[in-house]
N, C-alpha and C. Protein backbone atom coordinates (compact mmCIF):
# COMPACT_ATOMS: atom_id res chain seq x y z
N UNK A 1 18.07 -6.59 -11.26
CA UNK A 1 17.17 -7.59 -10.74
C UNK A 1 16.26 -6.98 -9.69
N UNK A 2 14.95 -7.25 -9.76
CA UNK A 2 13.98 -6.73 -8.82
C UNK A 2 13.51 -7.85 -7.91
N UNK A 3 13.58 -7.60 -6.60
CA UNK A 3 13.11 -8.56 -5.61
C UNK A 3 11.98 -7.91 -4.82
N UNK A 4 10.93 -8.70 -4.54
CA UNK A 4 9.85 -8.24 -3.67
C UNK A 4 9.80 -9.17 -2.48
N UNK A 5 9.91 -8.59 -1.29
CA UNK A 5 9.87 -9.36 -0.06
C UNK A 5 9.04 -8.60 0.97
N UNK A 6 8.73 -9.27 2.07
CA UNK A 6 8.15 -8.54 3.19
C UNK A 6 9.27 -7.71 3.82
N UNK A 7 8.94 -6.49 4.16
CA UNK A 7 9.92 -5.60 4.75
C UNK A 7 10.34 -6.12 6.12
N UNK A 8 11.55 -5.76 6.50
CA UNK A 8 12.07 -6.03 7.84
C UNK A 8 12.33 -4.69 8.52
N UNK A 9 12.67 -4.75 9.78
CA UNK A 9 13.00 -3.51 10.50
C UNK A 9 14.12 -2.75 9.78
N UNK A 10 15.02 -3.48 9.17
CA UNK A 10 16.13 -2.87 8.44
C UNK A 10 15.63 -1.95 7.31
N UNK A 11 14.43 -2.25 6.78
CA UNK A 11 13.87 -1.48 5.66
C UNK A 11 13.10 -0.23 6.10
N UNK A 12 12.91 -0.06 7.40
CA UNK A 12 12.07 1.05 7.87
C UNK A 12 12.55 2.43 7.45
N UNK A 13 13.85 2.74 7.45
CA UNK A 13 14.25 4.07 6.99
C UNK A 13 13.81 4.33 5.54
N UNK A 14 13.97 3.34 4.68
CA UNK A 14 13.57 3.51 3.27
C UNK A 14 12.05 3.65 3.16
N UNK A 15 11.31 2.86 3.94
CA UNK A 15 9.85 2.96 3.91
C UNK A 15 9.41 4.33 4.42
N UNK A 16 10.04 4.79 5.49
CA UNK A 16 9.70 6.11 6.03
C UNK A 16 9.92 7.18 4.97
N UNK A 17 11.03 7.10 4.25
CA UNK A 17 11.29 8.05 3.17
C UNK A 17 10.21 7.97 2.09
N UNK A 18 9.79 6.74 1.74
CA UNK A 18 8.76 6.59 0.69
C UNK A 18 7.40 7.08 1.16
N UNK A 19 7.09 6.90 2.43
CA UNK A 19 5.83 7.43 2.97
C UNK A 19 5.84 8.96 2.86
N UNK A 20 6.96 9.56 3.21
CA UNK A 20 7.06 11.02 3.10
C UNK A 20 6.98 11.48 1.65
N UNK A 21 7.60 10.74 0.74
CA UNK A 21 7.56 11.10 -0.68
C UNK A 21 6.14 10.97 -1.23
N UNK A 22 5.43 9.92 -0.84
CA UNK A 22 4.05 9.75 -1.31
C UNK A 22 3.17 10.87 -0.77
N UNK A 23 3.35 11.22 0.49
CA UNK A 23 2.58 12.33 1.05
C UNK A 23 2.87 13.62 0.31
N UNK A 24 4.13 13.88 0.04
CA UNK A 24 4.51 15.10 -0.69
C UNK A 24 3.89 15.11 -2.08
N UNK A 25 3.87 13.96 -2.75
CA UNK A 25 3.25 13.85 -4.06
C UNK A 25 1.80 14.32 -4.02
N UNK A 26 1.12 14.05 -2.90
CA UNK A 26 -0.29 14.44 -2.75
C UNK A 26 -0.44 15.81 -2.08
N UNK A 27 0.66 16.53 -1.94
CA UNK A 27 0.61 17.87 -1.36
C UNK A 27 0.40 17.87 0.14
N UNK A 28 0.79 16.78 0.79
CA UNK A 28 0.62 16.64 2.23
C UNK A 28 1.99 16.46 2.88
N UNK A 29 2.00 16.56 4.19
CA UNK A 29 3.21 16.31 4.96
C UNK A 29 2.95 15.08 5.82
N UNK A 30 3.80 14.08 5.70
CA UNK A 30 3.64 12.86 6.50
C UNK A 30 3.97 13.17 7.96
N UNK A 31 3.05 12.87 8.83
CA UNK A 31 3.25 13.11 10.26
C UNK A 31 3.75 11.86 10.98
N UNK A 32 3.70 10.71 10.33
CA UNK A 32 4.08 9.46 10.99
C UNK A 32 5.57 9.47 11.33
N UNK A 33 5.88 9.02 12.53
CA UNK A 33 7.28 8.97 12.95
C UNK A 33 7.85 7.58 12.69
N UNK A 34 9.15 7.51 12.73
CA UNK A 34 9.83 6.22 12.55
C UNK A 34 9.35 5.22 13.61
N UNK A 35 9.31 5.60 14.93
CA UNK A 35 8.81 4.64 15.94
C UNK A 35 7.36 4.21 15.70
N UNK A 36 6.54 5.12 15.18
CA UNK A 36 5.15 4.74 14.88
C UNK A 36 5.09 3.72 13.75
N UNK A 37 5.92 3.92 12.72
CA UNK A 37 5.98 2.93 11.63
C UNK A 37 6.46 1.58 12.14
N UNK A 38 7.45 1.61 13.01
CA UNK A 38 7.97 0.36 13.56
C UNK A 38 6.88 -0.38 14.33
N UNK A 39 6.14 0.34 15.13
CA UNK A 39 5.04 -0.27 15.88
C UNK A 39 3.96 -0.79 14.92
N UNK A 40 3.65 -0.01 13.90
CA UNK A 40 2.61 -0.36 12.94
C UNK A 40 2.93 -1.68 12.22
N UNK A 41 4.20 -1.82 11.80
CA UNK A 41 4.59 -2.99 11.01
C UNK A 41 5.19 -4.13 11.83
N UNK A 42 5.81 -3.81 12.98
CA UNK A 42 6.55 -4.85 13.72
C UNK A 42 6.27 -4.88 15.21
N UNK A 43 5.28 -4.14 15.68
CA UNK A 43 4.98 -4.10 17.10
C UNK A 43 4.37 -5.41 17.60
N UNK A 44 4.02 -5.42 18.87
CA UNK A 44 3.44 -6.61 19.49
C UNK A 44 2.14 -7.03 18.81
N UNK A 45 1.39 -6.06 18.33
CA UNK A 45 0.15 -6.33 17.59
C UNK A 45 0.19 -5.52 16.30
N UNK A 46 0.98 -5.95 15.31
CA UNK A 46 1.12 -5.16 14.09
C UNK A 46 -0.20 -4.96 13.37
N UNK A 47 -0.40 -3.75 12.88
CA UNK A 47 -1.65 -3.41 12.21
C UNK A 47 -1.51 -3.40 10.70
N UNK A 48 -0.31 -3.62 10.19
CA UNK A 48 -0.09 -3.56 8.75
C UNK A 48 1.12 -4.42 8.39
N UNK A 49 1.23 -4.71 7.10
CA UNK A 49 2.38 -5.40 6.53
C UNK A 49 2.94 -4.52 5.44
N UNK A 50 4.22 -4.64 5.20
CA UNK A 50 4.83 -3.87 4.13
C UNK A 50 5.59 -4.81 3.20
N UNK A 51 5.32 -4.66 1.92
CA UNK A 51 6.12 -5.31 0.89
C UNK A 51 7.09 -4.28 0.37
N UNK A 52 8.32 -4.70 0.12
CA UNK A 52 9.31 -3.77 -0.40
C UNK A 52 9.95 -4.40 -1.62
N UNK A 53 10.21 -3.58 -2.60
CA UNK A 53 10.88 -4.06 -3.80
C UNK A 53 12.21 -3.34 -3.95
N UNK A 54 13.20 -4.13 -4.29
CA UNK A 54 14.56 -3.60 -4.42
C UNK A 54 15.15 -4.01 -5.76
N UNK A 55 15.98 -3.15 -6.28
CA UNK A 55 16.77 -3.47 -7.46
C UNK A 55 18.23 -3.36 -7.07
N UNK A 56 18.96 -4.45 -7.26
CA UNK A 56 20.37 -4.49 -6.87
C UNK A 56 20.56 -4.06 -5.42
N UNK A 57 19.62 -4.45 -4.57
CA UNK A 57 19.71 -4.17 -3.14
C UNK A 57 19.19 -2.82 -2.70
N UNK A 58 18.84 -1.94 -3.64
CA UNK A 58 18.36 -0.60 -3.30
C UNK A 58 16.85 -0.55 -3.38
N UNK A 59 16.17 -0.06 -2.32
CA UNK A 59 14.71 0.03 -2.33
C UNK A 59 14.23 0.97 -3.43
N UNK A 60 13.25 0.50 -4.22
CA UNK A 60 12.68 1.34 -5.28
C UNK A 60 11.17 1.51 -5.15
N UNK A 61 10.54 0.75 -4.26
CA UNK A 61 9.10 0.89 -4.07
C UNK A 61 8.61 0.05 -2.92
N UNK A 62 7.39 0.33 -2.51
CA UNK A 62 6.80 -0.46 -1.44
C UNK A 62 5.27 -0.42 -1.53
N UNK A 63 4.67 -1.39 -0.87
CA UNK A 63 3.21 -1.42 -0.71
C UNK A 63 2.91 -1.62 0.76
N UNK A 64 2.07 -0.79 1.30
CA UNK A 64 1.61 -0.92 2.68
C UNK A 64 0.24 -1.58 2.68
N UNK A 65 0.12 -2.72 3.33
CA UNK A 65 -1.10 -3.52 3.32
C UNK A 65 -1.79 -3.46 4.68
N UNK A 66 -3.07 -3.17 4.67
CA UNK A 66 -3.82 -3.14 5.92
C UNK A 66 -5.02 -4.08 5.83
N UNK A 67 -5.23 -4.87 6.87
CA UNK A 67 -6.39 -5.76 6.88
C UNK A 67 -7.63 -5.04 7.41
N UNK A 68 -8.76 -5.47 6.95
CA UNK A 68 -10.03 -4.97 7.48
C UNK A 68 -11.06 -6.07 7.33
N UNK A 69 -12.06 -6.01 8.14
CA UNK A 69 -13.15 -6.99 8.05
C UNK A 69 -14.32 -6.38 7.30
N UNK A 70 -14.96 -7.21 6.50
CA UNK A 70 -16.22 -6.84 5.89
C UNK A 70 -17.26 -7.50 6.79
N UNK A 71 -17.74 -6.76 7.75
CA UNK A 71 -18.54 -7.32 8.83
C UNK A 71 -19.79 -8.01 8.32
N UNK A 72 -20.46 -7.44 7.34
CA UNK A 72 -21.74 -8.02 6.92
C UNK A 72 -21.58 -9.38 6.26
N UNK A 73 -20.36 -9.71 5.78
CA UNK A 73 -20.20 -11.07 5.26
C UNK A 73 -19.13 -11.86 6.01
N UNK A 74 -18.56 -11.25 7.07
CA UNK A 74 -17.62 -11.96 7.92
C UNK A 74 -16.31 -12.31 7.25
N UNK A 75 -15.92 -11.57 6.24
CA UNK A 75 -14.73 -11.91 5.46
C UNK A 75 -13.63 -10.87 5.65
N UNK A 76 -12.41 -11.36 5.53
CA UNK A 76 -11.24 -10.50 5.61
C UNK A 76 -10.98 -9.86 4.26
N UNK A 77 -10.60 -8.60 4.29
CA UNK A 77 -10.21 -7.88 3.08
C UNK A 77 -8.84 -7.26 3.36
N UNK A 78 -7.98 -7.27 2.38
CA UNK A 78 -6.69 -6.60 2.48
C UNK A 78 -6.74 -5.39 1.56
N UNK A 79 -6.36 -4.24 2.11
CA UNK A 79 -6.32 -3.02 1.32
C UNK A 79 -4.86 -2.63 1.09
N UNK A 80 -4.54 -2.34 -0.15
CA UNK A 80 -3.23 -1.76 -0.45
C UNK A 80 -3.38 -0.28 -0.15
N UNK A 81 -3.01 0.07 1.07
CA UNK A 81 -3.23 1.43 1.55
C UNK A 81 -2.24 2.40 0.93
N UNK A 82 -1.04 1.94 0.70
CA UNK A 82 0.00 2.74 0.03
C UNK A 82 0.62 1.90 -1.07
N UNK A 83 0.88 2.51 -2.19
CA UNK A 83 1.68 1.92 -3.25
C UNK A 83 2.55 3.04 -3.79
N UNK A 84 3.85 2.88 -3.65
CA UNK A 84 4.77 3.93 -4.06
C UNK A 84 5.94 3.33 -4.80
N UNK A 85 6.29 3.96 -5.93
CA UNK A 85 7.45 3.59 -6.71
C UNK A 85 8.26 4.87 -6.93
N UNK A 86 9.55 4.82 -6.69
CA UNK A 86 10.40 6.00 -6.90
C UNK A 86 10.42 6.42 -8.37
N UNK A 87 10.57 7.74 -8.60
CA UNK A 87 10.76 8.26 -9.95
C UNK A 87 11.90 7.49 -10.62
N UNK A 88 11.79 7.30 -11.90
CA UNK A 88 12.81 6.58 -12.64
C UNK A 88 12.57 5.07 -12.66
N UNK A 89 11.66 4.61 -11.81
CA UNK A 89 11.33 3.18 -11.76
C UNK A 89 9.86 2.93 -12.09
N UNK A 90 9.12 4.01 -12.32
CA UNK A 90 7.70 3.87 -12.63
C UNK A 90 7.50 3.42 -14.07
N UNK A 91 6.33 2.86 -14.33
CA UNK A 91 5.95 2.39 -15.67
C UNK A 91 6.89 1.30 -16.18
N UNK A 92 7.40 0.49 -15.25
CA UNK A 92 8.27 -0.62 -15.62
C UNK A 92 7.77 -1.95 -15.06
N UNK A 93 6.52 -1.97 -14.60
CA UNK A 93 5.94 -3.21 -14.09
C UNK A 93 6.13 -3.45 -12.61
N UNK A 94 6.78 -2.53 -11.90
CA UNK A 94 7.03 -2.74 -10.48
C UNK A 94 5.73 -2.65 -9.68
N UNK A 95 4.89 -1.69 -10.00
CA UNK A 95 3.60 -1.57 -9.32
C UNK A 95 2.74 -2.81 -9.54
N UNK A 96 2.73 -3.29 -10.77
CA UNK A 96 1.98 -4.51 -11.09
C UNK A 96 2.52 -5.68 -10.29
N UNK A 97 3.84 -5.78 -10.17
CA UNK A 97 4.44 -6.87 -9.40
C UNK A 97 4.12 -6.75 -7.92
N UNK A 98 4.10 -5.53 -7.38
CA UNK A 98 3.73 -5.34 -5.98
C UNK A 98 2.28 -5.73 -5.74
N UNK A 99 1.40 -5.37 -6.67
CA UNK A 99 -0.01 -5.74 -6.53
C UNK A 99 -0.16 -7.26 -6.60
N UNK A 100 0.59 -7.92 -7.48
CA UNK A 100 0.54 -9.38 -7.57
C UNK A 100 1.02 -10.01 -6.26
N UNK A 101 2.08 -9.46 -5.67
CA UNK A 101 2.58 -9.98 -4.40
C UNK A 101 1.56 -9.75 -3.29
N UNK A 102 0.89 -8.60 -3.32
CA UNK A 102 -0.16 -8.33 -2.33
C UNK A 102 -1.31 -9.32 -2.50
N UNK A 103 -1.64 -9.64 -3.74
CA UNK A 103 -2.70 -10.62 -4.01
C UNK A 103 -2.32 -11.98 -3.44
N UNK A 104 -1.08 -12.41 -3.67
CA UNK A 104 -0.61 -13.68 -3.12
C UNK A 104 -0.72 -13.69 -1.60
N UNK A 105 -0.31 -12.58 -0.96
CA UNK A 105 -0.41 -12.49 0.50
C UNK A 105 -1.87 -12.57 0.94
N UNK A 106 -2.74 -11.82 0.27
CA UNK A 106 -4.15 -11.82 0.65
C UNK A 106 -4.74 -13.22 0.57
N UNK A 107 -4.43 -13.93 -0.47
CA UNK A 107 -4.91 -15.31 -0.61
C UNK A 107 -4.36 -16.18 0.51
N UNK A 108 -3.09 -15.99 0.86
CA UNK A 108 -2.45 -16.82 1.88
C UNK A 108 -3.06 -16.65 3.26
N UNK A 109 -3.66 -15.48 3.53
CA UNK A 109 -4.28 -15.25 4.84
C UNK A 109 -5.79 -15.43 4.80
N UNK A 110 -6.30 -15.92 3.69
CA UNK A 110 -7.73 -16.21 3.59
C UNK A 110 -8.61 -15.02 3.28
N UNK A 111 -8.02 -13.94 2.79
CA UNK A 111 -8.84 -12.79 2.41
C UNK A 111 -9.64 -13.13 1.16
N UNK A 112 -10.80 -12.52 1.06
CA UNK A 112 -11.65 -12.76 -0.11
C UNK A 112 -11.68 -11.56 -1.05
N UNK A 113 -10.98 -10.50 -0.66
CA UNK A 113 -10.96 -9.31 -1.51
C UNK A 113 -9.67 -8.54 -1.27
N UNK A 114 -9.12 -8.00 -2.33
CA UNK A 114 -7.97 -7.11 -2.28
C UNK A 114 -8.41 -5.80 -2.92
N UNK A 115 -8.17 -4.69 -2.22
CA UNK A 115 -8.60 -3.40 -2.75
C UNK A 115 -7.41 -2.45 -2.83
N UNK A 116 -7.54 -1.48 -3.72
CA UNK A 116 -6.57 -0.39 -3.84
C UNK A 116 -7.34 0.83 -4.34
N UNK A 117 -6.96 1.96 -3.86
CA UNK A 117 -7.60 3.20 -4.29
C UNK A 117 -6.54 4.22 -4.67
N UNK A 118 -6.98 5.31 -5.22
CA UNK A 118 -6.07 6.40 -5.55
C UNK A 118 -6.84 7.71 -5.50
N UNK A 119 -6.12 8.77 -5.43
CA UNK A 119 -6.71 10.10 -5.46
C UNK A 119 -7.43 10.27 -6.79
N UNK A 120 -8.63 10.85 -6.79
CA UNK A 120 -9.36 11.01 -8.04
C UNK A 120 -8.65 11.89 -9.07
N UNK A 121 -7.66 12.68 -8.64
CA UNK A 121 -6.90 13.52 -9.56
C UNK A 121 -5.62 12.86 -10.06
N UNK A 122 -5.35 11.63 -9.62
CA UNK A 122 -4.13 10.93 -10.02
C UNK A 122 -4.40 10.12 -11.29
N UNK A 123 -4.41 10.82 -12.41
CA UNK A 123 -4.77 10.20 -13.69
C UNK A 123 -3.81 9.07 -14.07
N UNK A 124 -2.55 9.20 -13.73
CA UNK A 124 -1.57 8.17 -14.07
C UNK A 124 -1.90 6.85 -13.37
N UNK A 125 -2.17 6.92 -12.08
CA UNK A 125 -2.52 5.70 -11.34
C UNK A 125 -3.84 5.13 -11.82
N UNK A 126 -4.81 5.99 -12.05
CA UNK A 126 -6.11 5.51 -12.53
C UNK A 126 -5.94 4.77 -13.86
N UNK A 127 -5.16 5.33 -14.76
CA UNK A 127 -4.93 4.67 -16.06
C UNK A 127 -4.21 3.34 -15.87
N UNK A 128 -3.22 3.31 -14.98
CA UNK A 128 -2.48 2.06 -14.74
C UNK A 128 -3.39 0.99 -14.15
N UNK A 129 -4.20 1.36 -13.16
CA UNK A 129 -5.09 0.38 -12.53
C UNK A 129 -6.18 -0.08 -13.51
N UNK A 130 -6.67 0.83 -14.31
CA UNK A 130 -7.69 0.48 -15.30
C UNK A 130 -7.14 -0.52 -16.32
N UNK A 131 -5.87 -0.42 -16.64
CA UNK A 131 -5.25 -1.30 -17.63
C UNK A 131 -4.93 -2.69 -17.07
N UNK A 132 -4.97 -2.85 -15.76
CA UNK A 132 -4.64 -4.15 -15.16
C UNK A 132 -5.87 -5.06 -15.22
N UNK A 133 -5.74 -6.21 -15.86
CA UNK A 133 -6.91 -7.08 -16.04
C UNK A 133 -7.50 -7.63 -14.74
N UNK A 134 -6.69 -7.77 -13.69
CA UNK A 134 -7.21 -8.29 -12.42
C UNK A 134 -8.03 -7.27 -11.65
N UNK A 135 -7.81 -5.98 -11.90
CA UNK A 135 -8.49 -4.94 -11.12
C UNK A 135 -9.81 -4.56 -11.77
N UNK A 136 -10.83 -4.51 -10.95
CA UNK A 136 -12.15 -4.08 -11.40
C UNK A 136 -12.52 -2.84 -10.62
N UNK A 137 -12.95 -1.81 -11.33
CA UNK A 137 -13.31 -0.57 -10.66
C UNK A 137 -14.53 -0.78 -9.77
N UNK A 138 -14.44 -0.24 -8.56
CA UNK A 138 -15.55 -0.29 -7.61
C UNK A 138 -16.27 1.06 -7.67
N UNK A 139 -17.56 1.03 -7.85
CA UNK A 139 -18.33 2.27 -7.87
C UNK A 139 -19.47 2.15 -6.88
N UNK A 140 -20.10 3.25 -6.63
CA UNK A 140 -21.28 3.22 -5.77
C UNK A 140 -20.97 3.02 -4.30
N UNK A 141 -19.76 3.39 -3.89
CA UNK A 141 -19.40 3.24 -2.48
C UNK A 141 -20.15 4.20 -1.59
N UNK A 142 -20.69 5.23 -2.17
CA UNK A 142 -21.48 6.18 -1.40
C UNK A 142 -20.61 7.16 -0.62
N UNK A 143 -21.23 8.15 -0.07
CA UNK A 143 -20.51 9.14 0.72
C UNK A 143 -19.92 8.50 1.98
N UNK A 144 -18.79 9.04 2.41
CA UNK A 144 -18.18 8.61 3.66
C UNK A 144 -17.99 9.85 4.51
N UNK A 145 -18.03 9.66 5.81
CA UNK A 145 -17.90 10.77 6.75
C UNK A 145 -16.87 10.38 7.82
N UNK A 146 -16.36 11.35 8.53
CA UNK A 146 -15.38 11.06 9.56
C UNK A 146 -15.62 11.94 10.80
N UNK A 147 -15.08 11.47 11.89
CA UNK A 147 -15.04 12.22 13.13
C UNK A 147 -13.57 12.45 13.45
N UNK A 148 -13.15 13.68 13.57
CA UNK A 148 -11.77 13.97 13.92
C UNK A 148 -11.60 13.77 15.41
N UNK A 149 -10.70 12.87 15.81
CA UNK A 149 -10.51 12.55 17.22
C UNK A 149 -9.28 13.22 17.82
N UNK A 150 -8.61 14.04 17.02
CA UNK A 150 -7.46 14.77 17.53
C UNK A 150 -7.90 16.16 17.96
N UNK A 151 -7.24 16.67 18.98
CA UNK A 151 -7.59 17.96 19.56
C UNK A 151 -7.53 19.09 18.69
């Protein structure tokens, strides 16, 4: 049986492991600490929400949701910043179920858009997202730039 709920502090070790696994999948090392995740999801001013899915009580995937404003139209948007499913549980509808739960959450908070992205080299995710009837590919976002604020 698969359950999807909002994560609690009790789920943070599993989420931390999944964040590290997702980073490793992309050839990166997750720098986020457990206390930083706790503050991010459960601090005085939480900046994100986490959905977690479990089978028989064991975590098998999660979605990290971050809100953002679309300033030019004054609307809230929720971004699925992370979507991770453990090996052995992929291609079984869990990602689709997490996206559906994220959609329900976005609607409940008055968001007018739900977004998700993936690495351009992640053909598996691109194929999965393309096959989902609710998802429409966004193009023409244009170049983006950043300022590194770390020393």
